[in-house]
N, C-alpha and C. Protein backbone atom coordinates (compact mmCIF):
# COMPACT_ATOMS: atom_id res chain seq x y z
N UNK A 1 19.58 23.97 14.09
CA UNK A 1 20.78 24.98 14.08
C UNK A 1 21.36 24.92 15.47
N UNK A 2 22.80 24.72 15.67
CA UNK A 2 23.25 24.66 16.90
C UNK A 2 23.44 26.06 17.57
N UNK A 3 23.26 26.23 18.92
CA UNK A 3 23.45 27.45 19.68
C UNK A 3 24.26 27.09 20.80
N UNK A 4 25.25 28.14 21.29
CA UNK A 4 25.90 27.97 22.67
C UNK A 4 25.69 29.16 23.46
N UNK A 5 25.30 28.98 24.67
CA UNK A 5 25.09 30.00 25.54
C UNK A 5 25.78 29.85 26.83
N UNK A 6 26.29 30.95 27.21
CA UNK A 6 27.04 30.96 28.63
C UNK A 6 26.23 30.87 29.82
N UNK A 7 24.76 31.14 29.61
CA UNK A 7 24.02 31.00 30.97
C UNK A 7 22.73 30.18 30.53
N UNK A 8 22.09 29.77 31.48
CA UNK A 8 21.10 28.80 31.27
C UNK A 8 19.98 29.65 30.36
N UNK A 9 19.31 29.08 29.57
CA UNK A 9 18.19 29.65 28.78
C UNK A 9 16.88 28.99 29.08
N UNK A 10 15.93 29.77 29.12
CA UNK A 10 14.62 29.30 29.20
C UNK A 10 14.03 28.86 27.87
N UNK A 11 13.47 27.73 27.65
CA UNK A 11 12.78 27.33 26.29
C UNK A 11 11.70 28.22 26.24
N UNK A 12 11.71 28.86 24.90
CA UNK A 12 10.44 29.70 24.55
C UNK A 12 9.23 28.83 24.26
N UNK A 13 8.10 29.55 24.56
CA UNK A 13 6.81 28.83 24.19
C UNK A 13 6.90 28.50 22.84
N UNK A 14 6.32 27.35 22.53
CA UNK A 14 6.23 26.84 21.19
C UNK A 14 5.14 27.73 20.27
N UNK A 15 3.91 27.73 21.00
CA UNK A 15 2.87 28.39 20.59
C UNK A 15 2.07 29.07 21.56
N UNK A 16 1.02 29.80 20.93
CA UNK A 16 0.06 30.34 21.75
C UNK A 16 -1.38 30.35 20.99
N UNK A 17 -2.47 30.19 21.62
CA UNK A 17 -3.63 30.09 20.88
C UNK A 17 -4.85 30.84 21.73
N UNK A 18 -4.71 32.12 21.53
CA UNK A 18 -5.85 32.97 22.11
C UNK A 18 -6.98 32.84 21.28
N UNK A 19 -8.18 32.81 22.09
CA UNK A 19 -9.47 32.72 21.44
C UNK A 19 -9.78 33.86 20.77
N UNK A 20 -10.07 33.93 19.51
CA UNK A 20 -10.49 35.24 18.94
C UNK A 20 -11.92 35.65 19.50
N UNK A 21 -12.14 36.62 19.98
CA UNK A 21 -13.29 36.90 20.89
C UNK A 21 -14.46 37.28 19.98
N UNK A 22 -15.49 37.45 20.75
CA UNK A 22 -16.81 37.93 20.28
C UNK A 22 -17.44 37.18 19.05
N UNK A 23 -18.22 36.12 19.24
CA UNK A 23 -18.90 35.40 18.12
C UNK A 23 -19.55 36.41 17.28
N UNK A 24 -19.37 36.20 15.96
CA UNK A 24 -20.17 37.01 15.03
C UNK A 24 -19.79 36.43 13.67
N UNK A 25 -20.33 37.23 12.66
CA UNK A 25 -20.17 36.74 11.12
C UNK A 25 -18.77 36.80 10.84
N UNK A 26 -18.07 35.81 10.09
CA UNK A 26 -16.86 35.78 9.55
C UNK A 26 -16.47 36.83 8.40
N UNK A 27 -15.72 37.50 8.56
CA UNK A 27 -15.56 38.67 7.61
C UNK A 27 -14.60 38.15 6.36
N UNK A 28 -15.11 36.98 5.85
CA UNK A 28 -14.41 36.40 4.59
C UNK A 28 -15.27 36.35 3.49
N UNK A 29 -14.65 36.50 2.27
CA UNK A 29 -15.45 36.23 1.17
C UNK A 29 -15.59 34.71 0.85
N UNK A 30 -16.85 34.42 0.27
CA UNK A 30 -16.89 32.97 -0.17
C UNK A 30 -15.83 32.48 -0.99
N UNK A 31 -15.48 30.95 -0.95
CA UNK A 31 -14.79 30.38 -1.92
C UNK A 31 -15.31 30.52 -3.22
N UNK A 32 -14.33 30.46 -4.22
CA UNK A 32 -15.02 30.25 -5.79
C UNK A 32 -15.58 28.98 -5.78
N UNK A 33 -16.29 28.72 -6.93
CA UNK A 33 -17.24 27.60 -7.18
C UNK A 33 -16.35 26.34 -7.07
N UNK A 34 -15.06 26.47 -7.74
CA UNK A 34 -14.35 25.20 -7.87
C UNK A 34 -13.83 24.72 -6.37
N UNK A 35 -13.29 25.67 -5.58
CA UNK A 35 -12.93 25.34 -4.19
C UNK A 35 -14.21 24.74 -3.46
N UNK A 36 -15.36 25.32 -3.62
CA UNK A 36 -16.51 24.96 -2.92
C UNK A 36 -16.75 23.37 -3.26
N UNK A 37 -16.61 23.27 -4.62
CA UNK A 37 -17.01 21.76 -5.12
C UNK A 37 -16.03 20.83 -4.53
N UNK A 38 -14.66 21.24 -4.42
CA UNK A 38 -13.55 20.27 -3.92
C UNK A 38 -13.84 20.05 -2.27
N UNK A 39 -14.34 21.23 -1.80
CA UNK A 39 -14.61 21.16 -0.21
C UNK A 39 -15.84 20.14 -0.06
N UNK A 40 -16.82 20.28 -0.92
CA UNK A 40 -18.09 19.48 -0.72
C UNK A 40 -17.75 18.07 -0.68
N UNK A 41 -16.83 17.60 -1.57
CA UNK A 41 -16.34 16.36 -1.77
C UNK A 41 -15.50 15.78 -0.65
N UNK A 42 -14.40 16.51 -0.54
CA UNK A 42 -13.33 16.12 0.53
C UNK A 42 -13.87 16.35 1.91
N UNK A 43 -14.61 17.37 2.06
CA UNK A 43 -14.95 17.85 3.43
C UNK A 43 -16.14 17.07 3.99
N UNK A 44 -16.72 16.10 3.17
CA UNK A 44 -18.19 15.62 3.56
C UNK A 44 -18.24 14.87 4.90
N UNK A 45 -16.94 14.36 5.32
CA UNK A 45 -16.93 13.82 6.67
C UNK A 45 -16.84 14.80 7.81
N UNK A 46 -16.71 16.04 7.59
CA UNK A 46 -16.73 16.96 8.69
C UNK A 46 -18.05 17.13 9.38
N UNK A 47 -18.21 16.91 10.64
CA UNK A 47 -19.45 16.90 11.45
C UNK A 47 -19.39 18.07 12.30
N UNK A 48 -20.75 18.41 12.70
CA UNK A 48 -20.83 19.51 13.70
C UNK A 48 -20.15 19.11 15.07
N UNK A 49 -19.45 19.98 15.58
CA UNK A 49 -18.72 19.63 16.90
C UNK A 49 -17.34 19.31 16.70
N UNK A 50 -16.94 19.03 15.36
CA UNK A 50 -15.55 18.57 15.06
C UNK A 50 -14.48 19.55 15.45
N UNK A 51 -13.33 19.14 15.70
CA UNK A 51 -12.18 19.89 15.94
C UNK A 51 -11.23 19.86 14.69
N UNK A 52 -11.00 20.92 13.94
CA UNK A 52 -10.23 20.84 12.67
C UNK A 52 -9.15 21.97 12.80
N UNK A 53 -8.24 21.82 11.89
CA UNK A 53 -7.34 22.79 11.70
C UNK A 53 -6.96 23.10 10.26
N UNK A 54 -6.40 24.23 10.07
CA UNK A 54 -6.20 24.71 8.71
C UNK A 54 -4.70 25.24 8.72
N UNK A 55 -3.77 24.48 8.00
CA UNK A 55 -2.42 24.68 8.03
C UNK A 55 -1.72 24.58 6.55
N UNK A 56 -1.01 25.55 6.18
CA UNK A 56 -1.21 26.97 6.60
C UNK A 56 -2.63 27.51 6.14
N UNK A 57 -3.05 28.60 6.85
CA UNK A 57 -4.32 29.10 6.52
C UNK A 57 -4.33 29.89 5.31
N UNK A 58 -5.38 29.99 4.42
CA UNK A 58 -5.40 30.74 3.35
C UNK A 58 -6.04 32.19 3.63
N UNK A 59 -6.58 32.83 2.67
CA UNK A 59 -7.19 34.08 2.90
C UNK A 59 -8.38 34.14 3.78
N UNK A 60 -8.98 32.98 3.97
CA UNK A 60 -10.09 32.90 4.86
C UNK A 60 -11.29 32.18 4.37
N UNK A 61 -11.37 31.85 2.99
CA UNK A 61 -12.50 31.34 2.59
C UNK A 61 -12.90 29.86 2.95
N UNK A 62 -11.52 29.03 3.19
CA UNK A 62 -11.67 27.76 3.53
C UNK A 62 -12.08 27.87 5.14
N UNK A 63 -11.52 28.75 5.88
CA UNK A 63 -11.94 28.84 7.26
C UNK A 63 -13.32 29.13 7.40
N UNK A 64 -13.83 29.84 6.58
CA UNK A 64 -15.33 30.19 6.59
C UNK A 64 -16.20 28.83 6.34
N UNK A 65 -15.68 28.00 5.47
CA UNK A 65 -16.31 26.72 5.09
C UNK A 65 -16.29 25.79 6.21
N UNK A 66 -15.15 25.81 6.80
CA UNK A 66 -14.84 24.80 8.14
C UNK A 66 -15.71 25.32 9.12
N UNK A 67 -15.68 26.35 9.53
CA UNK A 67 -16.36 27.15 10.65
C UNK A 67 -17.89 26.82 10.53
N UNK A 68 -18.51 26.87 9.30
CA UNK A 68 -19.93 26.58 9.08
C UNK A 68 -20.19 25.05 9.37
N UNK A 69 -19.30 24.26 8.81
CA UNK A 69 -19.57 22.95 8.98
C UNK A 69 -19.46 22.30 10.35
N UNK A 70 -18.51 22.89 11.11
CA UNK A 70 -18.38 22.29 12.63
C UNK A 70 -19.30 22.93 13.46
N UNK A 71 -19.76 24.17 13.06
CA UNK A 71 -20.95 24.71 13.91
C UNK A 71 -20.33 25.48 15.25
N UNK A 72 -21.22 25.88 16.10
CA UNK A 72 -21.01 26.52 17.35
C UNK A 72 -20.25 25.67 18.29
N UNK A 73 -20.44 24.37 18.20
CA UNK A 73 -19.91 23.46 19.19
C UNK A 73 -18.54 22.98 18.74
N UNK A 74 -18.06 23.35 17.47
CA UNK A 74 -16.65 22.93 16.99
C UNK A 74 -15.64 23.92 17.06
N UNK A 75 -14.52 23.69 16.73
CA UNK A 75 -13.37 24.53 16.64
C UNK A 75 -12.54 24.42 15.50
N UNK A 76 -12.13 25.66 14.97
CA UNK A 76 -11.40 25.65 13.77
C UNK A 76 -10.07 26.50 14.15
N UNK A 77 -8.95 25.77 14.12
CA UNK A 77 -7.50 26.42 14.50
C UNK A 77 -6.86 26.90 13.22
N UNK A 78 -6.73 28.05 13.00
CA UNK A 78 -5.80 28.62 11.92
C UNK A 78 -4.46 28.59 12.48
N UNK A 79 -3.67 27.62 11.93
CA UNK A 79 -2.36 27.32 12.34
C UNK A 79 -1.26 28.01 11.31
N UNK A 80 -0.33 28.90 11.76
CA UNK A 80 0.45 29.56 10.89
C UNK A 80 1.89 29.62 11.41
N UNK A 81 2.85 29.85 10.68
CA UNK A 81 4.17 30.09 11.09
C UNK A 81 4.52 31.53 11.01
N UNK A 82 3.59 32.39 10.89
CA UNK A 82 3.91 33.81 10.83
C UNK A 82 2.70 34.51 11.44
N UNK A 83 2.75 35.81 11.58
CA UNK A 83 1.52 36.42 11.95
C UNK A 83 0.49 36.25 11.06
N UNK A 84 -0.75 36.02 11.51
CA UNK A 84 -1.97 35.65 10.67
C UNK A 84 -2.79 36.85 10.32
N UNK A 85 -2.59 37.62 9.20
CA UNK A 85 -3.22 38.77 9.07
C UNK A 85 -4.63 38.67 8.94
N UNK A 86 -5.06 37.36 8.48
CA UNK A 86 -6.56 37.08 8.16
C UNK A 86 -7.37 36.59 9.20
N UNK A 87 -6.73 36.54 10.51
CA UNK A 87 -7.47 35.87 11.62
C UNK A 87 -8.65 36.51 11.86
N UNK A 88 -9.69 35.73 11.93
CA UNK A 88 -11.11 36.26 11.98
C UNK A 88 -11.63 36.48 13.52
N UNK A 89 -12.56 37.43 13.63
CA UNK A 89 -13.34 37.43 14.84
C UNK A 89 -14.52 36.40 14.82
N UNK A 90 -14.38 35.31 15.42
CA UNK A 90 -15.57 34.25 15.54
C UNK A 90 -15.41 33.52 16.89
N UNK A 91 -16.64 33.17 17.17
CA UNK A 91 -16.48 32.40 18.50
C UNK A 91 -16.15 30.91 18.28
N UNK A 92 -15.85 30.53 17.17
CA UNK A 92 -15.50 29.13 17.01
C UNK A 92 -14.01 28.95 16.18
N UNK A 93 -13.36 30.14 15.91
CA UNK A 93 -12.17 30.15 15.30
C UNK A 93 -10.92 30.70 16.12
N UNK A 94 -9.99 29.85 16.27
CA UNK A 94 -8.73 30.24 17.12
C UNK A 94 -7.56 30.26 16.11
N UNK A 95 -6.60 31.24 16.65
CA UNK A 95 -5.39 31.40 15.79
C UNK A 95 -4.25 30.85 16.55
N UNK A 96 -3.32 30.18 16.02
CA UNK A 96 -2.17 29.58 16.52
C UNK A 96 -1.02 29.97 15.72
N UNK A 97 0.06 30.67 16.27
CA UNK A 97 1.20 31.03 15.51
C UNK A 97 2.38 30.02 16.15
N UNK A 98 2.81 29.27 15.28
CA UNK A 98 3.83 28.30 15.67
C UNK A 98 5.26 29.15 15.81
N UNK A 99 6.07 28.76 16.74
CA UNK A 99 7.28 29.17 17.09
C UNK A 99 8.41 28.41 16.91
N UNK A 100 9.67 29.09 16.80
CA UNK A 100 10.89 28.30 16.88
C UNK A 100 11.02 27.96 18.32
N UNK A 101 11.59 26.59 18.48
CA UNK A 101 11.70 26.10 19.80
C UNK A 101 13.16 25.76 19.96
N UNK A 102 13.65 25.86 21.30
CA UNK A 102 14.96 25.51 21.62
C UNK A 102 15.01 24.13 22.25
N UNK A 103 15.96 23.36 21.90
CA UNK A 103 16.09 22.18 22.74
C UNK A 103 17.60 22.02 23.39
N UNK A 104 17.55 21.45 24.46
CA UNK A 104 18.96 21.26 25.14
C UNK A 104 19.66 20.22 24.23
N UNK A 105 21.03 20.30 24.03
CA UNK A 105 21.70 19.51 23.07
C UNK A 105 23.12 19.20 23.80
N UNK A 106 23.26 18.65 24.86
CA UNK A 106 24.68 18.43 25.44
C UNK A 106 25.50 17.67 24.67
N UNK A 107 25.01 17.01 23.66
CA UNK A 107 25.77 16.10 22.80
C UNK A 107 26.83 16.94 21.87
N UNK A 108 26.40 18.36 21.77
CA UNK A 108 27.20 19.35 20.90
C UNK A 108 28.40 19.65 21.71
N UNK A 109 28.56 19.31 22.95
CA UNK A 109 29.62 19.77 23.63
C UNK A 109 31.01 19.19 23.19
N UNK A 110 31.98 20.16 23.05
CA UNK A 110 33.29 19.46 22.45
C UNK A 110 34.37 19.98 23.59
N UNK A 111 35.15 18.94 23.99
CA UNK A 111 36.12 19.21 25.03
C UNK A 111 37.15 20.09 24.48
N UNK A 112 37.44 20.10 23.18
CA UNK A 112 38.53 21.08 22.64
C UNK A 112 37.99 22.49 22.48
N UNK A 113 36.76 22.67 22.08
CA UNK A 113 36.29 24.08 22.03
C UNK A 113 35.80 24.60 23.37
N UNK A 114 35.49 23.75 24.30
CA UNK A 114 34.82 24.21 25.53
C UNK A 114 35.42 23.25 26.68
N UNK A 115 36.82 23.40 27.02
CA UNK A 115 37.33 22.47 27.88
C UNK A 115 36.75 22.43 29.35
N UNK A 116 36.25 23.54 29.67
CA UNK A 116 35.85 23.68 31.00
C UNK A 116 34.40 23.30 31.10
N UNK A 117 33.71 23.19 30.05
CA UNK A 117 32.24 22.78 30.14
C UNK A 117 31.51 23.88 30.53
N UNK A 118 31.76 25.08 30.41
CA UNK A 118 30.93 26.19 30.99
C UNK A 118 29.81 26.71 30.24
N UNK A 119 29.63 26.14 28.96
CA UNK A 119 28.53 26.64 28.12
C UNK A 119 27.43 25.62 28.27
N UNK A 120 26.13 26.12 27.74
CA UNK A 120 25.07 25.16 27.65
C UNK A 120 24.75 25.20 26.19
N UNK A 121 24.55 24.02 25.66
CA UNK A 121 24.42 23.75 24.26
C UNK A 121 22.87 23.52 23.79
N UNK A 122 22.56 24.11 22.74
CA UNK A 122 21.11 24.03 22.17
C UNK A 122 20.99 23.81 20.78
N UNK A 123 19.96 23.20 20.40
CA UNK A 123 19.54 23.29 19.00
C UNK A 123 18.15 23.86 18.83
N UNK A 124 17.88 24.35 17.67
CA UNK A 124 16.57 24.98 17.41
C UNK A 124 15.78 24.26 16.31
N UNK A 125 14.49 24.10 16.41
CA UNK A 125 13.67 23.50 15.48
C UNK A 125 12.63 24.67 14.83
N UNK A 126 12.60 24.58 13.52
CA UNK A 126 11.86 25.65 12.97
C UNK A 126 10.24 25.61 13.25
N UNK A 127 9.49 26.70 13.21
CA UNK A 127 8.16 26.63 13.57
C UNK A 127 7.24 25.44 13.13
N UNK A 128 7.38 25.00 11.67
CA UNK A 128 6.57 24.02 11.21
C UNK A 128 6.75 22.71 11.81
N UNK A 129 8.07 22.53 12.29
CA UNK A 129 8.22 21.17 13.18
C UNK A 129 7.66 21.05 14.34
N UNK A 130 7.21 22.31 14.79
CA UNK A 130 6.44 22.24 16.26
C UNK A 130 5.05 22.31 16.13
N UNK A 131 4.47 21.75 14.98
CA UNK A 131 2.93 21.86 14.91
C UNK A 131 2.29 21.04 16.04
N UNK A 132 1.22 21.72 16.54
CA UNK A 132 0.59 21.10 17.70
C UNK A 132 -0.67 22.08 17.88
N UNK A 133 -1.69 21.50 18.46
CA UNK A 133 -2.96 22.21 18.87
C UNK A 133 -3.47 21.79 20.20
N UNK A 134 -4.28 22.60 20.90
CA UNK A 134 -4.64 22.26 22.23
C UNK A 134 -5.23 21.14 22.47
N UNK A 135 -5.88 20.63 21.40
CA UNK A 135 -6.74 19.24 21.58
C UNK A 135 -6.58 18.38 20.35
N UNK A 136 -6.77 17.07 20.46
CA UNK A 136 -6.62 16.24 19.17
C UNK A 136 -7.73 16.53 18.16
N UNK A 137 -7.26 16.44 16.79
CA UNK A 137 -8.11 16.99 15.82
C UNK A 137 -8.76 16.04 15.09
N UNK A 138 -9.95 16.19 14.47
CA UNK A 138 -10.64 15.39 13.47
C UNK A 138 -10.23 15.51 12.12
N UNK A 139 -9.78 16.54 11.81
CA UNK A 139 -9.20 16.94 10.35
C UNK A 139 -8.07 17.92 10.43
N UNK A 140 -7.04 17.85 9.50
CA UNK A 140 -6.21 18.98 9.23
C UNK A 140 -6.39 19.30 7.75
N UNK A 141 -6.82 20.45 7.47
CA UNK A 141 -6.83 20.96 6.11
C UNK A 141 -5.49 21.57 5.58
N UNK A 142 -4.63 20.93 4.86
CA UNK A 142 -3.46 21.43 4.67
C UNK A 142 -3.37 21.43 3.01
N UNK A 143 -4.26 22.06 2.44
CA UNK A 143 -4.23 21.97 0.95
C UNK A 143 -3.26 22.85 0.40
N UNK A 144 -2.81 24.05 1.23
CA UNK A 144 -1.91 24.96 0.80
C UNK A 144 -0.40 24.55 1.11
N UNK A 145 -0.26 23.27 1.82
CA UNK A 145 1.06 22.90 2.37
C UNK A 145 2.03 22.52 1.16
N UNK A 146 3.14 23.11 1.01
CA UNK A 146 4.06 22.79 0.13
C UNK A 146 5.50 23.15 0.62
N UNK A 147 6.43 22.75 -0.19
CA UNK A 147 7.86 23.03 0.48
C UNK A 147 8.07 24.54 0.49
N UNK A 148 7.55 25.38 -0.16
CA UNK A 148 7.67 26.87 -0.09
C UNK A 148 6.98 27.31 1.44
N UNK A 149 5.84 26.89 1.67
CA UNK A 149 5.24 27.30 2.90
C UNK A 149 5.92 26.68 4.23
N UNK A 150 6.58 25.58 3.92
CA UNK A 150 7.29 24.88 5.09
C UNK A 150 8.76 25.45 5.30
N UNK A 151 9.38 25.84 4.27
CA UNK A 151 10.74 26.54 4.49
C UNK A 151 11.66 25.24 4.71
N UNK A 152 12.80 25.55 5.26
CA UNK A 152 13.84 24.56 5.48
C UNK A 152 13.60 23.68 6.84
N UNK A 153 12.79 22.50 6.54
CA UNK A 153 12.60 21.85 7.72
C UNK A 153 12.76 20.28 7.50
N UNK A 154 12.69 19.49 8.60
CA UNK A 154 12.79 18.19 8.30
C UNK A 154 11.57 17.63 8.09
N UNK A 155 11.15 17.09 6.92
CA UNK A 155 9.78 16.59 6.48
C UNK A 155 9.34 15.56 7.36
N UNK A 156 10.12 14.58 7.77
CA UNK A 156 9.73 13.53 8.58
C UNK A 156 9.25 13.97 9.91
N UNK A 157 9.90 15.08 10.60
CA UNK A 157 9.58 15.62 11.96
C UNK A 157 8.08 16.38 11.50
N UNK A 158 7.98 17.05 10.52
CA UNK A 158 6.57 17.66 10.36
C UNK A 158 5.53 16.73 10.15
N UNK A 159 5.82 15.61 9.27
CA UNK A 159 4.76 14.61 9.11
C UNK A 159 4.46 13.83 10.42
N UNK A 160 5.36 13.67 11.31
CA UNK A 160 4.92 12.96 12.59
C UNK A 160 4.26 13.93 13.51
N UNK A 161 4.54 15.17 13.45
CA UNK A 161 3.71 16.16 14.27
C UNK A 161 2.28 16.16 13.75
N UNK A 162 2.20 16.20 12.40
CA UNK A 162 0.76 16.26 11.93
C UNK A 162 -0.05 14.96 12.29
N UNK A 163 0.67 13.72 12.18
CA UNK A 163 0.01 12.47 12.70
C UNK A 163 -0.34 12.61 14.22
N UNK A 164 0.56 13.04 15.00
CA UNK A 164 0.34 13.08 16.34
C UNK A 164 -0.90 14.01 16.76
N UNK A 165 -0.97 15.12 15.97
CA UNK A 165 -2.13 16.04 16.42
C UNK A 165 -3.53 15.54 16.05
N UNK A 166 -3.63 14.31 15.16
CA UNK A 166 -4.91 13.78 14.83
C UNK A 166 -5.53 12.81 15.87
N UNK A 167 -6.83 12.78 15.95
CA UNK A 167 -7.32 11.52 16.59
C UNK A 167 -6.95 10.44 15.85
N UNK A 168 -7.09 9.23 16.46
CA UNK A 168 -7.30 8.01 15.67
C UNK A 168 -8.45 8.03 14.70
N UNK A 169 -7.96 7.83 13.42
CA UNK A 169 -9.07 7.88 12.42
C UNK A 169 -9.16 9.33 11.84
N UNK A 170 -8.46 10.37 12.33
CA UNK A 170 -8.61 11.67 11.82
C UNK A 170 -7.85 11.74 10.55
N UNK A 171 -8.34 12.81 9.77
CA UNK A 171 -7.82 13.02 8.19
C UNK A 171 -6.99 14.10 8.05
N UNK A 172 -6.03 13.94 7.18
CA UNK A 172 -5.09 14.97 6.60
C UNK A 172 -5.50 15.16 5.24
N UNK A 173 -5.75 16.47 4.72
CA UNK A 173 -6.00 16.84 3.49
C UNK A 173 -4.83 17.59 2.83
N UNK A 174 -4.28 17.15 1.71
CA UNK A 174 -3.17 17.97 1.08
C UNK A 174 -3.43 17.95 -0.46
N UNK A 175 -2.59 18.83 -1.07
CA UNK A 175 -2.78 18.83 -2.53
C UNK A 175 -2.00 17.79 -3.22
N UNK A 176 -2.65 17.50 -4.37
CA UNK A 176 -1.78 16.58 -5.19
C UNK A 176 -0.44 17.21 -5.80
N UNK A 177 -0.40 18.40 -5.61
CA UNK A 177 0.87 19.13 -5.93
C UNK A 177 1.91 19.32 -4.72
N UNK A 178 1.58 18.65 -3.62
CA UNK A 178 2.47 18.44 -2.64
C UNK A 178 3.64 17.62 -3.06
N UNK A 179 4.84 17.85 -2.64
CA UNK A 179 6.08 17.31 -3.17
C UNK A 179 6.22 15.89 -2.83
N UNK A 180 6.70 15.05 -3.85
CA UNK A 180 6.95 13.54 -3.42
C UNK A 180 7.65 13.24 -2.06
N UNK A 181 8.75 14.14 -1.70
CA UNK A 181 9.27 13.85 -0.54
C UNK A 181 8.28 13.88 0.63
N UNK A 182 7.39 14.99 0.71
CA UNK A 182 6.60 15.12 1.77
C UNK A 182 5.55 14.10 1.85
N UNK A 183 5.05 13.62 0.65
CA UNK A 183 4.06 12.60 0.62
C UNK A 183 4.62 11.23 1.04
N UNK A 184 5.83 11.06 0.78
CA UNK A 184 6.60 9.96 1.09
C UNK A 184 6.83 9.84 2.67
N UNK A 185 7.13 11.04 3.28
CA UNK A 185 7.36 11.14 4.67
C UNK A 185 5.89 11.01 5.53
N UNK A 186 4.92 11.26 4.92
CA UNK A 186 3.43 11.09 5.37
C UNK A 186 3.19 9.71 5.58
N UNK A 187 3.65 8.88 4.52
CA UNK A 187 3.36 7.33 4.59
C UNK A 187 4.27 6.79 5.59
N UNK A 188 5.59 7.25 5.61
CA UNK A 188 6.62 6.73 6.54
C UNK A 188 6.35 7.06 8.08
N UNK A 189 5.45 8.13 8.18
CA UNK A 189 5.03 8.43 9.51
C UNK A 189 4.06 7.49 10.23
N UNK A 190 3.19 6.92 9.17
CA UNK A 190 2.05 6.00 9.62
C UNK A 190 0.75 6.36 8.97
N UNK A 191 0.72 7.34 8.21
CA UNK A 191 -0.50 7.79 7.72
C UNK A 191 -0.90 6.59 6.56
N UNK A 192 -2.16 6.46 6.42
CA UNK A 192 -2.69 5.62 5.34
C UNK A 192 -3.45 6.49 4.31
N UNK A 193 -3.10 6.21 3.09
CA UNK A 193 -3.70 6.85 1.91
C UNK A 193 -5.09 6.56 1.87
N UNK A 194 -6.06 7.45 1.72
CA UNK A 194 -7.56 7.14 1.54
C UNK A 194 -7.79 7.23 0.09
N UNK A 195 -8.48 6.24 -0.44
CA UNK A 195 -8.74 6.27 -1.84
C UNK A 195 -10.17 7.16 -1.96
N UNK A 196 -9.97 8.13 -3.01
CA UNK A 196 -11.21 9.10 -3.02
C UNK A 196 -11.49 9.30 -4.63
N UNK A 197 -12.50 9.82 -5.01
CA UNK A 197 -12.89 10.14 -6.33
C UNK A 197 -11.81 11.03 -6.89
N UNK A 198 -11.71 11.05 -8.21
CA UNK A 198 -10.67 12.08 -8.77
C UNK A 198 -10.86 13.38 -8.15
N UNK A 199 -9.69 13.99 -7.71
CA UNK A 199 -9.76 15.29 -7.19
C UNK A 199 -8.26 15.81 -7.16
N UNK A 200 -8.16 17.12 -7.08
CA UNK A 200 -6.66 17.75 -6.78
C UNK A 200 -6.17 17.65 -5.36
N UNK A 201 -7.18 17.05 -4.57
CA UNK A 201 -6.76 17.03 -3.12
C UNK A 201 -6.71 15.58 -2.76
N UNK A 202 -5.68 15.11 -1.91
CA UNK A 202 -5.49 13.83 -1.40
C UNK A 202 -5.88 13.68 0.03
N UNK A 203 -6.40 12.45 0.48
CA UNK A 203 -6.66 12.29 1.92
C UNK A 203 -5.77 11.18 2.52
N UNK A 204 -5.32 11.55 3.83
CA UNK A 204 -4.56 10.47 4.38
C UNK A 204 -5.22 10.38 5.72
N UNK A 205 -5.24 9.25 6.37
CA UNK A 205 -5.87 8.90 7.59
C UNK A 205 -4.86 8.45 8.59
N UNK A 206 -5.06 8.83 9.97
CA UNK A 206 -4.30 8.25 10.88
C UNK A 206 -5.09 6.92 11.45
N UNK A 207 -4.44 5.81 11.36
CA UNK A 207 -4.92 4.57 11.80
C UNK A 207 -5.63 4.56 13.09
């Protein structure tokens, strides 16, 4: 979305990631048996010490499974585009809220609309397009990622941001209900589809 400002603007921080303090038990209910079975199959490659993200985060049951799997030396990032009401208090769980980011866009200048060139021109990118974490990830659990949770975004930008956030060999997990355009953009970004046993979850790997 284009913006015009008469004074210089400071680009707002894209995200913040405060460590949720005080190690302790996660205040989440366990996942139901179906989700636990899916996690056991798809999440088998998650190891102690891994860095993983959940985007968008659920009510917490997957966070609990991920936190148990990565252990005290691992990190779980709950990445959301809005306030995370279910953010837990745990030593290895972090909360990240993605923000709208402003980008300088001098190409939007028009000599007819602004003949004196007195304005600064900007565009904004929605939160999901600014996906990032403080460190490279071994896995992104995005089983709840769909068009509704993303909103009006450039799917190609989102796919590239997810790819960039992963380590080489890192894995992205999405639902088979994810839209075809999203899955198409994942492949276009450079992900490789991983063959897995029949499941409602799909795996993609960064080469």
